[in-house]
């Protein structure tokens, strides 16, 4: 059986506002980090083999106590997730538009989406990039994001790596005005001329 966690994009897709997607991703990451619930102990996997006549207030009371403990545990878990999500709000990414989807070229694989934040006081544009399905690269290699002009890489926007299932979320920042650019691409840092485009808008 595969031990890879469920992919965020496969579960929710790219639909929804940037704020909704960011909240869902944070909750998804928390649940993946928490892992699957513990298995029931053998004595709780089957109902007690008693008849109505044999039953007494004591077993019923124990069953009610077990149900109460289970309900309390679930409530505590829900509260903990809500608390963590709520208290991470200070780091929430505030996007100014819908996600920009990226798809694989014939040479690449996977997909990505880009969120653009509001320009900061010194003129930088924050980016939040969600990536999935890219292959981990050998040591000393990484992926690079570029703005394009006439479909070719023209302005470097940052670099990132992936592991395992090729999934990551990374925050970048660029000083450029987006006017004069016509899209985005992901390449590797290999010294190729021209660079091999793996993802594009």
N, C-alpha and C. Protein backbone atom coordinates (compact mmCIF):
# COMPACT_ATOMS: atom_id res chain seq x y z
N UNK A 1 0.86 -1.20 0.00
CA UNK A 1 0.00 0.00 0.00
C UNK A 1 0.88 1.23 0.00
N UNK A 2 0.52 2.25 -0.79
CA UNK A 2 1.31 3.48 -0.86
C UNK A 2 1.20 4.26 0.44
N UNK A 3 2.34 4.84 0.84
CA UNK A 3 2.35 5.65 2.06
C UNK A 3 2.39 7.13 1.74
N UNK A 4 2.29 7.49 0.44
CA UNK A 4 2.30 8.90 0.09
C UNK A 4 1.02 9.57 0.57
N UNK A 5 1.11 10.80 1.13
CA UNK A 5 -0.09 11.49 1.57
C UNK A 5 -0.96 11.90 0.38
N UNK A 6 -2.27 12.07 0.60
CA UNK A 6 -3.13 12.50 -0.50
C UNK A 6 -2.72 13.87 -1.02
N UNK A 7 -2.78 14.03 -2.34
CA UNK A 7 -2.35 15.28 -2.95
C UNK A 7 -3.42 16.35 -2.81
N UNK A 8 -3.00 17.55 -2.43
CA UNK A 8 -3.94 18.65 -2.20
C UNK A 8 -4.72 18.99 -3.46
N UNK A 9 -4.03 19.10 -4.61
CA UNK A 9 -4.70 19.47 -5.84
C UNK A 9 -5.70 18.41 -6.28
N UNK A 10 -5.37 17.12 -6.06
CA UNK A 10 -6.30 16.06 -6.42
C UNK A 10 -7.56 16.10 -5.58
N UNK A 11 -7.43 16.52 -4.32
CA UNK A 11 -8.58 16.56 -3.41
C UNK A 11 -9.50 17.73 -3.69
N UNK A 12 -8.94 18.93 -3.90
CA UNK A 12 -9.79 20.13 -4.01
C UNK A 12 -9.69 20.83 -5.36
N UNK A 13 -8.70 20.48 -6.18
CA UNK A 13 -8.55 21.16 -7.46
C UNK A 13 -8.06 22.59 -7.28
N UNK A 14 -8.24 23.41 -8.33
CA UNK A 14 -7.77 24.80 -8.30
C UNK A 14 -8.92 25.79 -8.16
N UNK A 15 -10.14 25.28 -7.95
CA UNK A 15 -11.29 26.17 -7.85
C UNK A 15 -11.35 26.83 -6.47
N UNK A 16 -11.92 28.02 -6.41
CA UNK A 16 -12.06 28.74 -5.16
C UNK A 16 -11.20 29.98 -5.13
N UNK A 17 -11.48 30.85 -4.17
CA UNK A 17 -10.70 32.07 -4.04
C UNK A 17 -9.31 31.74 -3.48
N UNK A 18 -8.34 32.61 -3.69
CA UNK A 18 -7.00 32.36 -3.11
C UNK A 18 -7.04 32.17 -1.60
N UNK A 19 -7.90 32.95 -0.91
CA UNK A 19 -7.98 32.83 0.55
C UNK A 19 -8.52 31.46 0.95
N UNK A 20 -9.55 30.99 0.22
CA UNK A 20 -10.12 29.67 0.52
C UNK A 20 -9.10 28.56 0.27
N UNK A 21 -8.38 28.65 -0.85
CA UNK A 21 -7.39 27.63 -1.17
C UNK A 21 -6.27 27.60 -0.14
N UNK A 22 -5.86 28.78 0.31
CA UNK A 22 -4.77 28.84 1.29
C UNK A 22 -5.22 28.25 2.63
N UNK A 23 -6.46 28.55 3.06
CA UNK A 23 -6.97 27.98 4.31
C UNK A 23 -7.10 26.47 4.20
N UNK A 24 -7.62 25.99 3.07
CA UNK A 24 -7.76 24.55 2.87
C UNK A 24 -6.41 23.86 2.85
N UNK A 25 -5.40 24.49 2.22
CA UNK A 25 -4.08 23.88 2.17
C UNK A 25 -3.47 23.79 3.56
N UNK A 26 -3.65 24.82 4.41
CA UNK A 26 -3.09 24.78 5.75
C UNK A 26 -3.74 23.66 6.56
N UNK A 27 -5.08 23.54 6.44
CA UNK A 27 -5.78 22.47 7.16
C UNK A 27 -5.34 21.10 6.64
N UNK A 28 -5.18 20.98 5.30
CA UNK A 28 -4.73 19.72 4.70
C UNK A 28 -3.35 19.34 5.21
N UNK A 29 -2.42 20.32 5.27
CA UNK A 29 -1.07 20.03 5.74
C UNK A 29 -1.06 19.60 7.20
N UNK A 30 -1.94 20.21 8.03
CA UNK A 30 -2.03 19.82 9.43
C UNK A 30 -2.52 18.38 9.58
N UNK A 31 -3.55 18.02 8.79
CA UNK A 31 -4.10 16.67 8.88
C UNK A 31 -3.10 15.63 8.39
N UNK A 32 -2.35 15.96 7.32
CA UNK A 32 -1.33 15.04 6.82
C UNK A 32 -0.23 14.86 7.87
N UNK A 33 0.16 15.98 8.52
CA UNK A 33 1.21 15.90 9.54
C UNK A 33 0.75 15.08 10.75
N UNK A 34 -0.57 15.15 11.08
CA UNK A 34 -1.09 14.42 12.23
C UNK A 34 -1.08 12.91 11.99
N UNK A 35 -1.19 12.51 10.73
CA UNK A 35 -1.16 11.08 10.41
C UNK A 35 -2.51 10.42 10.66
N UNK A 36 -2.62 9.14 10.30
CA UNK A 36 -3.88 8.41 10.47
C UNK A 36 -4.17 8.16 11.94
N UNK A 37 -5.45 8.01 12.31
CA UNK A 37 -5.79 7.72 13.71
C UNK A 37 -5.28 6.35 14.13
N UNK A 38 -5.06 6.20 15.41
CA UNK A 38 -4.60 4.90 15.93
C UNK A 38 -5.67 3.84 15.74
N UNK A 39 -5.24 2.57 15.55
CA UNK A 39 -6.18 1.48 15.37
C UNK A 39 -6.89 1.17 16.69
N UNK A 40 -8.13 0.68 16.57
CA UNK A 40 -8.86 0.29 17.77
C UNK A 40 -8.20 -0.92 18.41
N UNK A 41 -8.17 -0.97 19.73
CA UNK A 41 -7.65 -2.18 20.38
C UNK A 41 -8.58 -3.35 20.09
N UNK A 42 -8.04 -4.58 20.10
CA UNK A 42 -8.85 -5.77 19.75
C UNK A 42 -10.15 -5.87 20.52
N UNK A 43 -10.16 -5.48 21.82
CA UNK A 43 -11.37 -5.66 22.63
C UNK A 43 -12.50 -4.72 22.21
N UNK A 44 -12.17 -3.69 21.40
CA UNK A 44 -13.21 -2.76 20.96
C UNK A 44 -13.65 -2.99 19.51
N UNK A 45 -13.01 -3.94 18.83
CA UNK A 45 -13.33 -4.17 17.42
C UNK A 45 -14.64 -4.93 17.25
N UNK A 46 -15.07 -5.70 18.25
CA UNK A 46 -16.32 -6.45 18.17
C UNK A 46 -17.20 -6.09 19.35
N UNK A 47 -18.51 -6.13 19.10
CA UNK A 47 -19.46 -5.84 20.18
C UNK A 47 -19.42 -6.96 21.21
N UNK A 48 -19.62 -6.65 22.48
CA UNK A 48 -19.64 -7.70 23.52
C UNK A 48 -20.72 -8.73 23.23
N UNK A 49 -20.41 -10.02 23.43
CA UNK A 49 -21.36 -11.10 23.16
C UNK A 49 -22.17 -11.37 24.43
N UNK A 50 -23.17 -10.53 24.65
CA UNK A 50 -24.04 -10.69 25.81
C UNK A 50 -25.48 -10.62 25.36
N UNK A 51 -26.36 -11.23 26.11
CA UNK A 51 -27.79 -11.13 25.83
C UNK A 51 -28.36 -10.00 26.66
N UNK A 52 -29.57 -9.60 26.33
CA UNK A 52 -30.21 -8.53 27.08
C UNK A 52 -30.39 -8.92 28.54
N UNK A 53 -30.64 -10.25 28.76
CA UNK A 53 -30.85 -10.70 30.13
C UNK A 53 -29.56 -10.67 30.93
N UNK A 54 -28.42 -11.02 30.25
CA UNK A 54 -27.15 -11.06 30.95
C UNK A 54 -26.59 -9.67 31.21
N UNK A 55 -26.99 -8.71 30.38
CA UNK A 55 -26.42 -7.38 30.52
C UNK A 55 -26.82 -6.74 31.84
N UNK A 56 -25.99 -5.87 32.32
CA UNK A 56 -26.27 -5.14 33.55
C UNK A 56 -25.89 -3.69 33.36
N UNK A 57 -26.17 -2.88 34.37
CA UNK A 57 -25.86 -1.46 34.24
C UNK A 57 -24.36 -1.22 34.12
N UNK A 58 -23.52 -2.13 34.62
CA UNK A 58 -22.08 -1.90 34.61
C UNK A 58 -21.50 -1.93 33.19
N UNK A 59 -21.74 -2.99 32.36
CA UNK A 59 -21.20 -2.96 31.00
C UNK A 59 -21.72 -1.79 30.20
N UNK A 60 -23.04 -1.49 30.34
CA UNK A 60 -23.60 -0.37 29.60
C UNK A 60 -22.94 0.93 30.00
N UNK A 61 -22.68 1.05 31.28
CA UNK A 61 -22.04 2.25 31.76
C UNK A 61 -20.63 2.39 31.18
N UNK A 62 -19.93 1.24 31.08
CA UNK A 62 -18.59 1.27 30.49
C UNK A 62 -18.65 1.65 29.03
N UNK A 63 -19.66 1.10 28.32
CA UNK A 63 -19.78 1.43 26.90
C UNK A 63 -20.08 2.91 26.73
N UNK A 64 -20.96 3.44 27.60
CA UNK A 64 -21.25 4.87 27.52
C UNK A 64 -20.00 5.69 27.83
N UNK A 65 -19.20 5.22 28.81
CA UNK A 65 -17.98 5.92 29.15
C UNK A 65 -16.99 5.91 28.00
N UNK A 66 -16.89 4.76 27.30
CA UNK A 66 -15.99 4.68 26.15
C UNK A 66 -16.43 5.62 25.05
N UNK A 67 -17.76 5.67 24.79
CA UNK A 67 -18.27 6.57 23.76
C UNK A 67 -18.00 8.03 24.13
N UNK A 68 -18.16 8.34 25.42
CA UNK A 68 -17.90 9.71 25.87
C UNK A 68 -16.44 10.09 25.68
N UNK A 69 -15.53 9.15 26.00
CA UNK A 69 -14.10 9.42 25.85
C UNK A 69 -13.75 9.62 24.37
N UNK A 70 -14.34 8.77 23.50
CA UNK A 70 -14.08 8.90 22.08
C UNK A 70 -14.58 10.25 21.56
N UNK A 71 -15.81 10.64 21.96
CA UNK A 71 -16.36 11.92 21.51
C UNK A 71 -15.51 13.08 22.02
N UNK A 72 -15.08 12.98 23.28
CA UNK A 72 -14.25 14.05 23.84
C UNK A 72 -12.92 14.14 23.10
N UNK A 73 -12.35 12.98 22.72
CA UNK A 73 -11.09 12.98 21.99
C UNK A 73 -11.24 13.63 20.62
N UNK A 74 -12.34 13.29 19.92
CA UNK A 74 -12.58 13.90 18.61
C UNK A 74 -12.79 15.40 18.73
N UNK A 75 -13.52 15.82 19.76
CA UNK A 75 -13.74 17.25 19.96
C UNK A 75 -12.43 17.96 20.24
N UNK A 76 -11.58 17.34 21.06
CA UNK A 76 -10.29 17.95 21.37
C UNK A 76 -9.42 18.06 20.13
N UNK A 77 -9.46 17.01 19.27
CA UNK A 77 -8.67 17.05 18.04
C UNK A 77 -9.16 18.15 17.12
N UNK A 78 -10.50 18.27 16.99
CA UNK A 78 -11.05 19.33 16.15
C UNK A 78 -10.68 20.70 16.68
N UNK A 79 -10.72 20.86 18.01
CA UNK A 79 -10.34 22.14 18.61
C UNK A 79 -8.88 22.45 18.34
N UNK A 80 -8.01 21.42 18.46
CA UNK A 80 -6.58 21.65 18.24
C UNK A 80 -6.30 22.09 16.82
N UNK A 81 -6.96 21.41 15.84
CA UNK A 81 -6.77 21.81 14.45
C UNK A 81 -7.26 23.23 14.22
N UNK A 82 -8.44 23.55 14.75
CA UNK A 82 -8.97 24.90 14.61
C UNK A 82 -8.07 25.94 15.24
N UNK A 83 -7.52 25.61 16.42
CA UNK A 83 -6.64 26.54 17.11
C UNK A 83 -5.37 26.80 16.30
N UNK A 84 -4.78 25.70 15.78
CA UNK A 84 -3.55 25.87 15.01
C UNK A 84 -3.80 26.65 13.74
N UNK A 85 -4.90 26.34 13.03
CA UNK A 85 -5.20 27.07 11.80
C UNK A 85 -5.44 28.54 12.10
N UNK A 86 -6.21 28.81 13.15
CA UNK A 86 -6.51 30.19 13.49
C UNK A 86 -5.29 30.98 13.90
N UNK A 87 -4.37 30.34 14.65
CA UNK A 87 -3.21 31.05 15.12
C UNK A 87 -2.09 31.12 14.10
N UNK A 88 -2.28 30.49 12.96
CA UNK A 88 -1.32 30.66 11.88
C UNK A 88 -1.78 31.71 10.90
N UNK A 89 -2.89 32.37 11.21
CA UNK A 89 -3.45 33.37 10.30
C UNK A 89 -2.54 34.54 10.03
N UNK A 90 -1.64 34.85 10.99
CA UNK A 90 -0.75 35.98 10.81
C UNK A 90 0.19 35.76 9.63
N UNK A 91 0.41 34.49 9.26
CA UNK A 91 1.26 34.20 8.13
C UNK A 91 0.48 33.92 6.86
N UNK A 92 -0.81 34.21 6.87
CA UNK A 92 -1.65 33.92 5.73
C UNK A 92 -1.25 34.76 4.53
N UNK A 93 -1.26 34.15 3.36
CA UNK A 93 -0.91 34.85 2.13
C UNK A 93 -2.16 35.54 1.58
N UNK A 94 -2.07 36.84 1.38
CA UNK A 94 -3.19 37.62 0.86
C UNK A 94 -2.99 37.84 -0.63
N UNK A 95 -3.71 37.08 -1.45
CA UNK A 95 -3.58 37.19 -2.91
C UNK A 95 -4.52 38.26 -3.44
N UNK A 96 -4.18 38.81 -4.60
CA UNK A 96 -4.99 39.87 -5.20
C UNK A 96 -5.78 39.38 -6.42
N UNK A 97 -5.69 38.11 -6.72
CA UNK A 97 -6.43 37.56 -7.86
C UNK A 97 -6.54 36.07 -7.75
N UNK A 98 -7.10 35.45 -8.77
CA UNK A 98 -7.25 34.01 -8.79
C UNK A 98 -5.90 33.34 -9.08
N UNK A 99 -5.75 32.07 -8.69
CA UNK A 99 -4.49 31.36 -8.98
C UNK A 99 -4.23 31.29 -10.48
N UNK A 100 -2.97 31.41 -10.85
CA UNK A 100 -2.55 31.28 -12.25
C UNK A 100 -2.10 29.83 -12.45
N UNK A 101 -2.84 29.04 -13.22
CA UNK A 101 -2.48 27.62 -13.38
C UNK A 101 -1.31 27.42 -14.34
N UNK A 102 -0.51 26.41 -14.06
CA UNK A 102 0.58 26.01 -14.95
C UNK A 102 0.42 24.53 -15.27
N UNK A 103 0.72 24.15 -16.50
CA UNK A 103 0.61 22.76 -16.91
C UNK A 103 1.94 22.29 -17.49
N UNK A 104 2.08 20.96 -17.60
CA UNK A 104 3.32 20.39 -18.10
C UNK A 104 3.43 20.55 -19.61
N UNK A 105 4.67 20.72 -20.08
CA UNK A 105 4.96 20.69 -21.50
C UNK A 105 5.24 19.23 -21.90
N UNK A 106 5.57 19.01 -23.16
CA UNK A 106 5.90 17.65 -23.61
C UNK A 106 7.15 17.13 -22.93
N UNK A 107 8.04 18.03 -22.51
CA UNK A 107 9.28 17.61 -21.85
C UNK A 107 9.14 17.46 -20.35
N UNK A 108 8.04 17.98 -19.79
CA UNK A 108 7.90 18.01 -18.34
C UNK A 108 6.81 17.11 -17.81
N UNK A 109 6.49 17.31 -16.53
CA UNK A 109 5.42 16.57 -15.88
C UNK A 109 4.92 17.41 -14.72
N UNK A 110 3.73 17.05 -14.22
CA UNK A 110 3.18 17.75 -13.07
C UNK A 110 2.42 19.01 -13.45
N UNK A 111 2.16 19.80 -12.43
CA UNK A 111 1.46 21.07 -12.63
C UNK A 111 1.73 21.98 -11.44
N UNK A 112 1.28 23.24 -11.55
CA UNK A 112 1.53 24.21 -10.49
C UNK A 112 0.48 25.31 -10.57
N UNK A 113 0.46 26.14 -9.54
CA UNK A 113 -0.36 27.35 -9.57
C UNK A 113 0.41 28.45 -8.86
N UNK A 114 0.19 29.68 -9.31
CA UNK A 114 0.90 30.85 -8.76
C UNK A 114 -0.13 31.83 -8.21
N UNK A 115 0.08 32.26 -6.98
CA UNK A 115 -0.72 33.33 -6.39
C UNK A 115 0.16 34.57 -6.27
N UNK A 116 -0.39 35.72 -6.63
CA UNK A 116 0.34 36.98 -6.54
C UNK A 116 -0.26 37.81 -5.43
N UNK A 117 0.58 38.29 -4.52
CA UNK A 117 0.12 39.13 -3.43
C UNK A 117 0.19 40.60 -3.77
N UNK A 118 -0.29 41.43 -2.86
CA UNK A 118 -0.27 42.87 -3.07
C UNK A 118 1.16 43.39 -2.95
N UNK A 119 1.50 44.36 -3.76
CA UNK A 119 2.85 44.93 -3.76
C UNK A 119 3.18 45.55 -2.41
N UNK A 120 4.39 45.29 -1.91
CA UNK A 120 4.74 45.81 -0.59
C UNK A 120 5.26 47.25 -0.67
N UNK A 121 5.64 47.80 0.48
CA UNK A 121 6.00 49.21 0.57
C UNK A 121 7.23 49.57 -0.25
N UNK A 122 8.10 48.59 -0.51
CA UNK A 122 9.32 48.90 -1.27
C UNK A 122 9.24 48.44 -2.71
N UNK A 123 8.07 47.96 -3.14
CA UNK A 123 7.85 47.64 -4.55
C UNK A 123 7.99 46.20 -4.96
N UNK A 124 8.10 45.28 -3.98
CA UNK A 124 8.20 43.86 -4.33
C UNK A 124 6.82 43.20 -4.37
N UNK A 125 6.66 42.25 -5.29
CA UNK A 125 5.42 41.48 -5.40
C UNK A 125 5.65 40.10 -4.79
N UNK A 126 4.95 39.74 -3.71
CA UNK A 126 5.09 38.40 -3.14
C UNK A 126 4.38 37.36 -4.00
N UNK A 127 4.97 36.19 -4.12
CA UNK A 127 4.39 35.08 -4.86
C UNK A 127 4.27 33.86 -3.95
N UNK A 128 3.20 33.11 -4.12
CA UNK A 128 3.06 31.82 -3.46
C UNK A 128 2.85 30.78 -4.55
N UNK A 129 3.79 29.85 -4.67
CA UNK A 129 3.77 28.88 -5.76
C UNK A 129 3.51 27.48 -5.18
N UNK A 130 2.44 26.82 -5.63
CA UNK A 130 2.13 25.44 -5.25
C UNK A 130 2.53 24.54 -6.43
N UNK A 131 3.32 23.53 -6.16
CA UNK A 131 3.82 22.64 -7.21
C UNK A 131 3.54 21.20 -6.85
N UNK A 132 3.22 20.38 -7.83
CA UNK A 132 3.08 18.94 -7.61
C UNK A 132 3.48 18.18 -8.86
N UNK A 133 4.01 16.97 -8.66
CA UNK A 133 4.30 16.10 -9.79
C UNK A 133 5.64 16.30 -10.46
N UNK A 134 6.47 17.22 -9.96
CA UNK A 134 7.80 17.38 -10.54
C UNK A 134 8.74 16.33 -9.94
N UNK A 135 9.69 15.88 -10.72
CA UNK A 135 10.61 14.85 -10.25
C UNK A 135 11.71 15.48 -9.39
N UNK A 136 12.07 14.85 -8.27
CA UNK A 136 13.23 15.33 -7.51
C UNK A 136 14.47 15.32 -8.40
N UNK A 137 15.28 16.36 -8.28
CA UNK A 137 16.46 16.50 -9.12
C UNK A 137 17.72 16.04 -8.37
N UNK A 138 18.77 15.68 -9.10
CA UNK A 138 20.03 15.29 -8.45
C UNK A 138 20.60 16.45 -7.64
N UNK A 139 21.50 16.12 -6.73
CA UNK A 139 22.15 17.12 -5.90
C UNK A 139 22.83 18.18 -6.77
N UNK A 140 22.64 19.44 -6.40
CA UNK A 140 23.23 20.53 -7.16
C UNK A 140 22.33 21.08 -8.25
N UNK A 141 21.13 20.47 -8.41
CA UNK A 141 20.18 20.97 -9.40
C UNK A 141 18.88 21.37 -8.69
N UNK A 142 18.15 22.31 -9.28
CA UNK A 142 16.89 22.77 -8.72
C UNK A 142 16.03 23.35 -9.85
N UNK A 143 14.81 23.68 -9.49
CA UNK A 143 13.88 24.27 -10.46
C UNK A 143 13.90 25.79 -10.34
N UNK A 144 13.61 26.45 -11.45
CA UNK A 144 13.60 27.91 -11.48
C UNK A 144 12.30 28.41 -12.13
N UNK A 145 11.77 29.49 -11.58
CA UNK A 145 10.55 30.12 -12.11
C UNK A 145 10.94 31.41 -12.84
N UNK A 146 10.40 31.58 -14.04
CA UNK A 146 10.68 32.78 -14.84
C UNK A 146 9.38 33.40 -15.36
N UNK A 147 9.37 34.71 -15.46
CA UNK A 147 8.39 35.39 -16.29
C UNK A 147 8.86 35.28 -17.74
N UNK A 148 7.93 35.25 -18.67
CA UNK A 148 8.31 35.08 -20.08
C UNK A 148 7.96 36.31 -20.91
N UNK A 149 8.71 36.44 -21.97
CA UNK A 149 8.42 37.44 -23.00
C UNK A 149 8.48 36.72 -24.34
N UNK A 150 7.37 36.76 -25.06
CA UNK A 150 7.24 36.01 -26.32
C UNK A 150 7.48 34.51 -26.09
N UNK A 151 7.01 34.04 -24.92
CA UNK A 151 7.09 32.62 -24.60
C UNK A 151 8.43 32.13 -24.13
N UNK A 152 9.44 33.00 -24.01
CA UNK A 152 10.78 32.59 -23.61
C UNK A 152 11.13 33.16 -22.24
N UNK A 153 11.90 32.43 -21.41
CA UNK A 153 12.28 32.94 -20.09
C UNK A 153 12.96 34.29 -20.21
N UNK A 154 12.45 35.28 -19.45
CA UNK A 154 12.98 36.63 -19.58
C UNK A 154 13.36 37.26 -18.24
N UNK A 155 12.67 36.89 -17.14
CA UNK A 155 12.94 37.51 -15.84
C UNK A 155 12.90 36.44 -14.76
N UNK A 156 14.03 36.25 -14.09
CA UNK A 156 14.16 35.23 -13.05
C UNK A 156 13.31 35.61 -11.83
N UNK A 157 12.55 34.63 -11.30
CA UNK A 157 11.65 34.90 -10.16
C UNK A 157 11.99 34.10 -8.91
N UNK A 158 12.91 33.14 -8.99
CA UNK A 158 13.28 32.37 -7.82
C UNK A 158 13.47 30.91 -8.13
N UNK A 159 13.97 30.17 -7.12
CA UNK A 159 14.28 28.75 -7.29
C UNK A 159 13.68 27.94 -6.15
N UNK A 160 13.50 26.64 -6.40
CA UNK A 160 12.95 25.75 -5.38
C UNK A 160 13.34 24.32 -5.69
N UNK A 161 13.23 23.45 -4.69
CA UNK A 161 13.49 22.03 -4.84
C UNK A 161 12.24 21.25 -4.46
N UNK A 162 12.18 20.00 -4.85
CA UNK A 162 11.09 19.11 -4.44
C UNK A 162 11.67 17.80 -3.95
N UNK A 163 10.91 17.07 -3.15
CA UNK A 163 11.31 15.75 -2.68
C UNK A 163 10.13 14.80 -2.79
N UNK A 164 10.41 13.52 -2.69
CA UNK A 164 9.36 12.51 -2.63
C UNK A 164 8.41 12.58 -3.81
N UNK A 165 7.16 12.97 -3.52
CA UNK A 165 6.12 13.00 -4.55
C UNK A 165 6.23 14.23 -5.45
N UNK A 166 7.26 15.05 -5.27
CA UNK A 166 7.44 16.22 -6.13
C UNK A 166 6.48 17.34 -5.81
N UNK A 167 6.12 17.45 -4.56
CA UNK A 167 5.12 18.45 -4.15
C UNK A 167 5.72 19.44 -3.17
N UNK A 168 5.47 20.72 -3.37
CA UNK A 168 5.95 21.73 -2.44
C UNK A 168 5.16 23.01 -2.61
N UNK A 169 5.24 23.88 -1.62
CA UNK A 169 4.70 25.23 -1.70
C UNK A 169 5.82 26.17 -1.27
N UNK A 170 6.07 27.18 -2.07
CA UNK A 170 7.21 28.06 -1.79
C UNK A 170 6.79 29.52 -2.00
N UNK A 171 7.28 30.38 -1.12
CA UNK A 171 7.04 31.82 -1.25
C UNK A 171 8.25 32.48 -1.90
N UNK A 172 7.99 33.28 -2.91
CA UNK A 172 9.02 34.02 -3.62
C UNK A 172 8.64 35.50 -3.64
N UNK A 173 9.54 36.32 -4.15
CA UNK A 173 9.27 37.75 -4.24
C UNK A 173 10.01 38.32 -5.44
N UNK A 174 9.31 39.16 -6.22
CA UNK A 174 9.94 39.75 -7.41
C UNK A 174 9.71 41.26 -7.43
N UNK A 175 10.68 42.01 -7.98
CA UNK A 175 10.54 43.47 -8.02
C UNK A 175 9.96 43.99 -9.33
N UNK A 176 9.75 43.10 -10.31
CA UNK A 176 9.38 43.55 -11.65
C UNK A 176 7.92 43.98 -11.73
N UNK A 177 7.65 44.91 -12.63
CA UNK A 177 6.28 45.16 -13.05
C UNK A 177 5.91 44.04 -14.01
N UNK A 178 4.67 43.57 -13.95
CA UNK A 178 4.28 42.45 -14.79
C UNK A 178 3.94 42.88 -16.22
N UNK A 179 3.91 44.18 -16.44
CA UNK A 179 3.64 44.68 -17.79
C UNK A 179 4.81 44.31 -18.71
N UNK A 180 4.47 43.88 -19.89
CA UNK A 180 5.51 43.52 -20.85
C UNK A 180 5.87 42.04 -20.83
N UNK A 181 5.32 41.30 -19.85
CA UNK A 181 5.53 39.86 -19.80
C UNK A 181 4.24 39.15 -20.21
N UNK A 182 4.38 37.96 -20.78
CA UNK A 182 3.19 37.28 -21.31
C UNK A 182 2.91 35.92 -20.66
N UNK A 183 3.67 35.54 -19.64
CA UNK A 183 3.40 34.26 -18.99
C UNK A 183 4.49 33.88 -18.01
N UNK A 184 4.45 32.60 -17.60
CA UNK A 184 5.40 32.07 -16.64
C UNK A 184 5.86 30.69 -17.10
N UNK A 185 7.08 30.32 -16.77
CA UNK A 185 7.57 28.97 -17.04
C UNK A 185 8.41 28.49 -15.86
N UNK A 186 8.51 27.17 -15.75
CA UNK A 186 9.43 26.53 -14.81
C UNK A 186 10.45 25.75 -15.61
N UNK A 187 11.72 25.98 -15.31
CA UNK A 187 12.83 25.27 -15.95
C UNK A 187 13.72 24.69 -14.85
N UNK A 188 14.82 24.08 -15.22
CA UNK A 188 15.83 23.69 -14.24
C UNK A 188 17.01 24.66 -14.36
N UNK A 189 17.94 24.56 -13.42
CA UNK A 189 19.10 25.44 -13.46
C UNK A 189 20.23 24.90 -14.33
N UNK A 190 19.96 23.84 -15.09
CA UNK A 190 20.97 23.32 -16.00
C UNK A 190 21.35 24.41 -17.01
N UNK A 191 22.62 24.45 -17.36
CA UNK A 191 23.10 25.46 -18.30
C UNK A 191 22.81 25.01 -19.73
N UNK A 192 21.55 25.21 -20.11
CA UNK A 192 21.11 24.83 -21.45
C UNK A 192 20.78 26.09 -22.24
N UNK A 193 20.93 26.04 -23.50
CA UNK A 193 20.59 27.18 -24.35
C UNK A 193 19.84 26.64 -25.58
N UNK A 194 18.52 26.88 -25.69
CA UNK A 194 17.69 27.56 -24.70
C UNK A 194 17.33 26.64 -23.53
N UNK A 195 16.85 27.24 -22.45
CA UNK A 195 16.45 26.44 -21.29
C UNK A 195 15.26 25.54 -21.64
N UNK A 196 15.27 24.35 -21.07
CA UNK A 196 14.18 23.41 -21.31
C UNK A 196 13.00 23.77 -20.40
N UNK A 197 11.87 24.08 -21.00
CA UNK A 197 10.67 24.46 -20.25
C UNK A 197 9.90 23.21 -19.85
N UNK A 198 9.62 23.05 -18.53
CA UNK A 198 8.92 21.88 -18.03
C UNK A 198 7.48 22.17 -17.67
N UNK A 199 7.21 23.38 -17.15
CA UNK A 199 5.85 23.83 -16.86
C UNK A 199 5.65 25.19 -17.50
N UNK A 200 4.43 25.47 -17.94
CA UNK A 200 4.14 26.75 -18.56
C UNK A 200 2.70 27.15 -18.29
N UNK A 201 2.39 28.44 -18.46
CA UNK A 201 1.02 28.92 -18.28
C UNK A 201 0.27 28.86 -19.60
